[in-house]
């Protein structure tokens, strides 16, 4: 893919160099023609070598073109300054070359221009020295402009790569949070079910134990499906036009599963549930999942109060359960941390916190809703 542009660039450079060389042979003295032809020959060689990545060799030919072209500037009446100025620009524009190389070569070139005019073409005078020196200055300016453009492009590419790495890191963190929540919910529920099955079998209540085993199997299957869904979601490309989703069904399923484990949960809901962005719905579901799992793990059998308040600009979740007997704060793992991170990362804003208040463990999570969401049932 890169061969054709390189061939075109080399062909154009050689054609222009041939034109300049022919003009040199017809318009300059023998001494000037020799030095000018050296510059004309070194120019396309330097261009091709630099394009091929042969930086040192290409830079050497470019420096030869600058110096010999500058020396022949007076005798060639400025024609040899074409390869000198172009190669000055090449030396400065190439990011793999030291930035000082081009300006130093141009500075020596100015000295050679003045010396060449003084020794070989004194009739041209000081005005010619200034004019030809300005010609080399154009090459310096063009080189810095091209170098700046390439630096900007490289920084933009680096920033794009950093954004990709950041998105991948965020995706991995999101997957870890989802897997933690799913496994904590499923395995915690399975532990409760297995304990209950063991107790029922000891009491010779076979039918009830079988019912519990069926529920445990359903819970395990659901946990496996949720884990697979979390992994599959990591592979999906996010779309800006994804429809909003209503989290009510998923929340009802979590509450039903919690009650099926013999636990008690009371639910109060203010306002009217409605579809919300997928990330908001996921954050709400995972917060309830983590809160109920914590309640089963730290205060098994204790009643849990779950409240959801829907407003036009936000939705607030509040889960309250008694402290365990040892009165130690819940957690110690990554569930609550993941919940905070999830709400903090919501596009429209949000926050989550867990605290001990009057003998109870309280989880409060709030997600801001964008003004564009339907405003039914809220203040």
Protein backbone atom coordinates (compact mmCIF):
# COMPACT_ATOMS: atom_id res chain seq x y z
CA UNK A 1 0.00 0.00 0.00
CA UNK A 2 2.90 2.39 0.62
CA UNK A 3 4.89 1.49 -2.51
CA UNK A 4 2.75 3.43 -4.97
CA UNK A 5 2.89 6.79 -3.10
CA UNK A 6 6.65 6.31 -2.70
CA UNK A 7 7.08 5.68 -6.43
CA UNK A 8 4.99 8.70 -7.32
CA UNK A 9 6.92 10.89 -4.90
CA UNK A 10 10.26 9.65 -6.25
CA UNK A 11 9.14 10.12 -9.85
CA UNK A 12 7.97 13.69 -9.26
CA UNK A 13 11.14 14.60 -7.35
CA UNK A 14 13.38 13.14 -10.07
CA UNK A 15 11.43 15.00 -12.78
CA UNK A 16 11.73 18.32 -10.98
CA UNK A 17 15.41 17.63 -10.22
CA UNK A 18 16.04 16.86 -13.90
CA UNK A 19 14.39 20.13 -14.91
CA UNK A 20 16.49 22.10 -12.39
CA UNK A 21 19.63 20.25 -13.53
CA UNK A 22 19.01 21.08 -17.17
CA UNK A 23 18.51 24.73 -16.26
CA UNK A 24 21.75 24.69 -14.27
CA UNK A 25 23.75 23.37 -17.21
CA UNK A 26 22.51 26.14 -19.47
CA UNK A 27 22.58 29.06 -17.05
CA UNK A 28 25.66 28.76 -14.88
CA UNK A 29 29.42 28.59 -14.96
CA UNK A 30 31.21 25.22 -14.94
CA UNK A 31 32.13 25.57 -11.26
CA UNK A 32 28.60 26.42 -10.31
CA UNK A 33 27.20 23.67 -12.51
CA UNK A 34 29.30 20.99 -10.78
CA UNK A 35 28.25 22.00 -7.27
CA UNK A 36 24.67 22.52 -8.40
CA UNK A 37 24.49 19.09 -10.06
CA UNK A 38 25.75 17.48 -6.86
CA UNK A 39 22.83 19.10 -5.04
CA UNK A 40 20.38 18.07 -7.77
CA UNK A 41 21.55 14.44 -7.63
CA UNK A 42 21.61 14.28 -3.80
CA UNK A 43 18.10 15.73 -3.53
CA UNK A 44 15.99 12.78 -4.88
CA UNK A 45 18.31 10.26 -3.21
CA UNK A 46 17.75 11.95 0.15
CA UNK A 47 13.98 12.07 -0.45
CA UNK A 48 13.70 8.36 -1.24
CA UNK A 49 15.99 7.24 1.59
CA UNK A 50 14.09 9.29 4.16
CA UNK A 51 10.77 7.90 2.91
CA UNK A 52 12.20 4.38 3.24
CA UNK A 53 13.21 5.03 6.83
CA UNK A 54 16.96 5.22 6.18
CA UNK A 55 17.20 8.30 8.35
CA UNK A 56 20.98 8.63 8.78
CA UNK A 57 21.91 8.00 5.17
CA UNK A 58 19.04 10.12 3.89
CA UNK A 59 20.00 12.96 6.23
CA UNK A 60 23.60 12.78 4.99
CA UNK A 61 22.50 13.18 1.35
CA UNK A 62 20.14 16.00 2.36
CA UNK A 63 22.97 17.86 4.11
CA UNK A 64 25.15 17.42 0.99
CA UNK A 65 22.32 18.88 -1.13
CA UNK A 66 21.95 21.87 1.20
CA UNK A 67 25.66 22.68 1.32
CA UNK A 68 26.48 22.11 -2.35
CA UNK A 69 23.31 23.88 -3.47
CA UNK A 70 24.15 26.85 -1.26
CA UNK A 71 27.70 27.05 -2.55
CA UNK A 72 26.42 27.11 -6.14
CA UNK A 73 23.72 29.65 -5.35
CA UNK A 74 25.58 32.65 -6.74
CA UNK A 75 26.97 31.09 -9.93
CA UNK A 76 23.60 29.43 -10.69
CA UNK A 77 21.70 32.68 -10.01
CA UNK A 78 19.67 30.93 -7.32
CA UNK A 79 18.67 27.77 -9.25
CA UNK A 80 20.69 25.43 -7.03
CA UNK A 81 18.91 26.83 -3.98
CA UNK A 82 15.81 24.85 -4.97
CA UNK A 83 17.27 21.49 -3.82
CA UNK A 84 19.00 23.26 -0.92
CA UNK A 85 15.75 24.76 0.40
CA UNK A 86 13.75 21.56 -0.18
CA UNK A 87 16.32 19.42 1.62
CA UNK A 88 16.45 21.93 4.48
CA UNK A 89 12.72 21.46 4.82
CA UNK A 90 13.12 17.66 4.75
CA UNK A 91 15.74 17.73 7.51
CA UNK A 92 13.52 19.78 9.81
CA UNK A 93 10.22 18.05 8.99
CA UNK A 94 11.38 14.50 9.73
CA UNK A 95 10.51 13.73 13.36
CA UNK A 96 13.13 11.00 13.64
CA UNK A 97 15.91 13.52 12.99
CA UNK A 98 17.16 15.98 15.63
CA UNK A 99 15.38 19.30 15.30
CA UNK A 100 18.66 21.24 15.24
CA UNK A 101 20.07 19.47 12.17
CA UNK A 102 18.09 21.39 9.55
CA UNK A 103 18.64 24.90 10.99
CA UNK A 104 22.38 24.21 11.44
CA UNK A 105 22.68 23.01 7.85
CA UNK A 106 20.73 26.07 6.67
CA UNK A 107 23.00 28.36 8.73
CA UNK A 108 26.12 26.86 7.16
CA UNK A 109 24.34 27.16 3.82
CA UNK A 110 23.87 30.90 4.30
CA UNK A 111 27.61 31.25 4.95
CA UNK A 112 28.32 29.26 1.77
CA UNK A 113 25.88 31.37 -0.23
CA UNK A 114 27.63 34.54 0.84
CA UNK A 115 31.07 32.98 0.30
CA UNK A 116 30.13 31.60 -3.11
CA UNK A 117 28.85 34.97 -4.28
CA UNK A 118 31.89 36.79 -2.91
CA UNK A 119 34.37 34.40 -4.55
CA UNK A 120 32.62 33.24 -7.73
CA UNK A 121 30.00 35.92 -8.51
CA UNK A 122 31.04 39.18 -6.83
CA UNK A 123 29.03 41.17 -9.38
CA UNK A 124 25.77 40.04 -7.78
CA UNK A 125 26.44 42.05 -4.63
CA UNK A 126 24.96 42.10 -1.16
CA UNK A 127 21.34 42.22 -2.34
CA UNK A 128 21.76 38.79 -3.96
CA UNK A 129 23.26 37.43 -0.74
CA UNK A 130 20.21 38.62 1.23
CA UNK A 131 17.72 37.33 -1.34
CA UNK A 132 19.27 33.88 -1.56
CA UNK A 133 19.59 33.66 2.22
CA UNK A 134 15.87 34.36 2.42
CA UNK A 135 15.35 31.46 0.01
CA UNK A 136 16.98 29.12 2.50
CA UNK A 137 14.90 30.71 5.27
CA UNK A 138 11.76 29.70 3.39
CA UNK A 139 12.95 26.11 3.57
CA UNK A 140 13.49 26.46 7.33
CA UNK A 141 10.03 27.93 7.84
CA UNK A 142 8.37 25.26 5.69
CA UNK A 143 10.22 22.55 7.57
CA UNK A 144 9.04 23.78 10.95
CA UNK A 145 5.47 24.08 9.69
CA UNK A 146 5.51 20.49 8.46
CA UNK A 147 7.18 19.29 11.65
CA UNK A 148 4.53 21.00 13.76
CA UNK A 149 1.78 19.42 11.68
CA UNK A 150 3.32 15.97 12.05
CA UNK A 151 3.79 16.44 15.78
CA UNK A 152 0.15 17.42 16.11
CA UNK A 153 -0.92 14.38 14.11
CA UNK A 154 1.26 12.11 16.25
CA UNK A 155 -0.12 13.58 19.46
CA UNK A 156 -3.66 13.13 18.15
CA UNK A 157 -2.90 9.50 17.34
CA UNK A 158 -1.36 8.98 20.75
CA UNK A 159 -4.40 10.54 22.41
CA UNK A 160 -6.67 8.28 20.36
CA UNK A 161 -4.69 5.21 21.45
CA UNK A 162 -4.86 6.34 25.08
CA UNK A 163 -8.63 6.75 24.76
CA UNK A 164 -8.88 3.23 23.36
CA UNK A 165 -6.78 1.85 26.22
CA UNK A 166 -8.90 3.78 28.73
CA UNK A 167 -12.12 2.44 27.21
CA UNK A 168 -10.76 -1.10 27.34
CA UNK A 169 -9.76 -0.60 30.98
CA UNK A 170 -13.23 0.76 31.79
CA UNK A 171 -14.79 -2.23 30.04
CA UNK A 172 -12.68 -4.64 32.07
CA UNK A 173 -13.62 -2.85 35.30
CA UNK A 174 -17.29 -2.90 34.31
CA UNK A 175 -17.07 -6.63 33.56
CA UNK A 176 -15.40 -7.27 36.92
CA UNK A 177 -18.16 -5.33 38.69
CA UNK A 178 -20.89 -7.23 36.86
CA UNK A 179 -19.30 -10.61 37.51
CA UNK A 180 -18.81 -9.75 41.17
CA UNK A 181 -22.44 -8.72 41.55
CA UNK A 182 -23.77 -11.73 39.65
CA UNK A 183 -21.61 -14.25 41.48
CA UNK A 184 -22.18 -12.69 44.90
CA UNK A 185 -25.95 -12.81 44.34
CA UNK A 186 -26.02 -16.33 42.88
CA UNK A 187 -23.52 -17.96 45.22
CA UNK A 188 -24.96 -16.24 48.27
CA UNK A 189 -28.43 -17.47 47.34
CA UNK A 190 -27.12 -20.98 46.70
CA UNK A 191 -25.51 -21.03 50.12
CA UNK A 192 -28.83 -20.15 51.76
CA UNK A 193 -30.66 -22.78 49.71
CA UNK A 194 -28.11 -25.51 50.48
CA UNK A 195 -28.26 -24.73 54.20
CA UNK A 196 -32.04 -24.95 54.05
CA UNK A 197 -31.91 -28.23 52.09
CA UNK A 198 -29.54 -29.71 54.66
CA UNK A 199 -31.86 -28.74 57.50
CA UNK A 200 -34.93 -30.11 55.68
CA UNK A 201 -33.23 -33.40 54.93
CA UNK A 202 -32.27 -33.81 58.60
CA UNK A 203 -35.93 -33.23 59.47
CA UNK A 204 -36.95 -35.81 56.83
CA UNK A 205 -38.97 -33.18 54.93
CA UNK A 206 -38.06 -34.58 51.53
CA UNK A 207 -40.64 -32.77 49.41
CA UNK A 208 -39.68 -29.36 50.78
CA UNK A 209 -36.00 -30.17 50.27
CA UNK A 210 -36.74 -31.14 46.66
CA UNK A 211 -38.52 -27.82 46.15
CA UNK A 212 -35.52 -25.99 47.56
CA UNK A 213 -33.18 -27.96 45.30
CA UNK A 214 -35.24 -26.97 42.27
CA UNK A 215 -35.04 -23.33 43.31
CA UNK A 216 -31.27 -23.65 43.85
CA UNK A 217 -30.86 -25.10 40.37
CA UNK A 218 -32.89 -22.24 38.90
CA UNK A 219 -30.77 -19.73 40.79
CA UNK A 220 -27.54 -21.33 39.57
CA UNK A 221 -28.78 -21.36 35.98
CA UNK A 222 -29.82 -17.73 36.21
CA UNK A 223 -26.42 -16.77 37.67
CA UNK A 224 -24.62 -18.57 34.85
CA UNK A 225 -26.81 -16.83 32.26
CA UNK A 226 -26.16 -13.43 33.87
CA UNK A 227 -22.40 -14.08 33.91
CA UNK A 228 -22.47 -15.02 30.23
CA UNK A 229 -24.52 -11.90 29.52
CA UNK A 230 -21.96 -9.73 31.28
CA UNK A 231 -19.14 -11.21 29.18
CA UNK A 232 -21.19 -10.85 26.00
CA UNK A 233 -21.94 -7.21 26.80
CA UNK A 234 -18.19 -6.52 26.89
CA UNK A 235 -17.95 -7.62 23.25
CA UNK A 236 -20.82 -5.43 22.09
CA UNK A 237 -20.16 -2.08 20.42
CA UNK A 238 -22.13 0.63 22.29
CA UNK A 239 -24.72 2.40 20.17
CA UNK A 240 -25.95 5.90 20.72
CA UNK A 241 -29.45 5.03 19.48
CA UNK A 242 -30.09 2.16 21.93
CA UNK A 243 -33.63 2.35 23.30
CA UNK A 244 -34.20 3.08 26.98
CA UNK A 245 -35.17 0.14 29.15
CA UNK A 246 -37.53 -0.29 32.10
CA UNK A 247 -35.69 -1.85 35.07
CA UNK A 248 -38.91 -2.84 36.86
CA UNK A 249 -39.00 -6.43 35.61
CA UNK A 250 -35.39 -7.11 36.60
CA UNK A 251 -35.94 -5.52 40.03
CA UNK A 252 -39.09 -7.58 40.59
CA UNK A 253 -37.17 -10.76 39.74
CA UNK A 254 -34.45 -9.90 42.31
CA UNK A 255 -37.08 -9.25 44.99
CA UNK A 256 -38.89 -12.50 44.15
CA UNK A 257 -35.62 -14.46 44.32
CA UNK A 258 -34.78 -12.87 47.69
CA UNK A 259 -38.17 -13.86 49.09
CA UNK A 260 -37.86 -17.38 47.69
CA UNK A 261 -34.82 -17.82 49.93
CA UNK A 262 -36.99 -17.30 52.97
CA UNK A 263 -36.06 -13.64 53.42
CA UNK A 264 -38.39 -10.71 53.93
CA UNK A 265 -38.29 -7.52 51.89
CA UNK A 266 -40.80 -4.68 51.90
CA UNK A 267 -40.98 -2.45 48.86
CA UNK A 268 -42.17 1.14 48.62
CA UNK A 269 -42.17 3.05 45.38
CA UNK A 270 -42.79 6.72 44.75
CA UNK A 271 -43.57 8.27 41.40
CA UNK A 272 -44.04 6.21 38.26
CA UNK A 273 -41.38 3.80 36.95
CA UNK A 274 -40.37 4.46 33.37
CA UNK A 275 -37.71 3.53 30.84
CA UNK A 276 -34.25 4.95 31.51
CA UNK A 277 -30.89 4.68 29.70
CA UNK A 278 -29.41 1.20 29.80
CA UNK A 279 -26.47 2.23 32.01
CA UNK A 280 -28.85 3.73 34.57
CA UNK A 281 -31.08 0.64 34.59
CA UNK A 282 -28.02 -1.60 35.03
CA UNK A 283 -26.71 0.54 37.89
CA UNK A 284 -30.09 0.32 39.70
CA UNK A 285 -30.40 -3.44 39.23
CA UNK A 286 -26.83 -4.11 40.36
CA UNK A 287 -27.28 -1.87 43.41
CA UNK A 288 -30.38 -3.80 44.52
CA UNK A 289 -28.64 -7.09 43.78
CA UNK A 290 -25.59 -6.16 45.86
CA UNK A 291 -27.71 -4.80 48.73
CA UNK A 292 -29.90 -7.91 48.96
CA UNK A 293 -26.85 -10.18 48.72
CA UNK A 294 -25.18 -8.25 51.56
CA UNK A 295 -28.33 -8.51 53.66
CA UNK A 296 -28.50 -12.30 53.22
CA UNK A 297 -24.80 -12.67 53.96
CA UNK A 298 -24.54 -10.41 57.02
CA UNK A 299 -28.02 -10.48 58.52
CA UNK A 300 -29.74 -13.64 57.24
CA UNK A 301 -33.48 -13.70 57.89
CA UNK A 302 -33.62 -10.02 58.89
CA UNK A 303 -36.25 -7.88 57.15
CA UNK A 304 -35.06 -5.55 54.39
CA UNK A 305 -36.76 -2.32 53.36
CA UNK A 306 -36.35 -1.24 49.74
CA UNK A 307 -37.55 2.12 48.49
CA UNK A 308 -37.44 3.60 45.00
CA UNK A 309 -38.39 7.21 44.38
CA UNK A 310 -38.93 8.31 40.77
CA UNK A 311 -38.68 12.00 39.97
CA UNK A 312 -38.59 13.77 36.64
CA UNK A 313 -34.87 14.53 37.01
CA UNK A 314 -33.59 11.62 39.11
CA UNK A 315 -34.30 8.23 40.58
CA UNK A 316 -33.26 7.41 44.15
CA UNK A 317 -32.81 3.94 45.60
CA UNK A 318 -32.70 3.27 49.35
CA UNK A 319 -32.11 -0.16 50.92
CA UNK A 320 -32.19 -0.55 54.70
CA UNK A 321 -31.46 -3.66 56.77
CA UNK A 322 -30.46 -4.33 60.39
CA UNK A 323 -26.81 -4.44 61.35
CA UNK A 324 -25.36 -7.89 62.10
CA UNK A 325 -24.92 -8.83 65.72
CA UNK A 326 -21.25 -7.86 65.75
CA UNK A 327 -22.26 -4.37 64.52
CA UNK A 328 -19.53 -4.27 61.93
CA UNK A 329 -20.00 -2.34 58.70
CA UNK A 330 -20.97 -4.43 55.72
CA UNK A 331 -18.70 -5.19 52.84
CA UNK A 332 -14.98 -5.63 52.98
CA UNK A 333 -15.06 -6.78 49.38
CA UNK A 334 -15.57 -4.90 46.14
CA UNK A 335 -19.36 -4.83 45.89
CA UNK A 336 -19.99 -1.44 47.48
CA UNK A 337 -16.91 0.01 45.81
CA UNK A 338 -18.14 -1.22 42.45
CA UNK A 339 -21.58 0.27 43.15
CA UNK A 340 -20.07 3.70 43.87
CA UNK A 341 -17.90 3.52 40.75
CA UNK A 342 -20.87 2.54 38.62
CA UNK A 343 -23.01 5.47 39.75
CA UNK A 344 -20.11 7.93 39.63
CA UNK A 345 -19.52 6.95 36.00
CA UNK A 346 -23.10 7.54 34.84
CA UNK A 347 -23.16 9.99 31.88
CA UNK A 348 -25.78 12.26 33.47
CA UNK A 349 -24.30 12.00 36.96
CA UNK A 350 -25.02 9.99 40.05
CA UNK A 351 -23.66 8.85 43.37
CA UNK A 352 -23.97 5.99 45.87
CA UNK A 353 -23.07 5.64 49.51
CA UNK A 354 -23.39 3.14 52.34
CA UNK A 355 -23.55 4.11 55.98
CA UNK A 356 -24.54 2.92 59.43
CA UNK A 357 -27.44 4.87 60.88
CA UNK A 358 -29.32 4.15 64.14
CA UNK A 359 -28.54 0.46 64.20
CA UNK A 360 -29.24 -0.03 60.51
CA UNK A 361 -27.14 -0.43 57.43
CA UNK A 362 -28.36 1.96 54.75
CA UNK A 363 -27.46 2.02 51.07
CA UNK A 364 -28.53 5.10 49.11
CA UNK A 365 -27.95 5.39 45.38
CA UNK A 366 -29.15 8.19 43.12
CA UNK A 367 -28.97 8.53 39.34
CA UNK A 368 -29.58 11.82 37.57
CA UNK A 369 -31.92 11.55 34.60
CA UNK A 370 -31.47 13.73 31.54
CA UNK A 371 -34.17 16.33 30.87
CA UNK A 372 -35.16 14.48 27.71
CA UNK A 373 -36.61 11.52 29.67
CA UNK A 374 -40.37 11.41 29.97
CA UNK A 375 -41.53 13.42 32.98
CA UNK A 376 -44.60 11.35 33.93
CA UNK A 377 -45.21 10.69 37.55
CA UNK A 378 -42.67 13.00 39.10
CA UNK A 379 -42.28 16.45 40.49
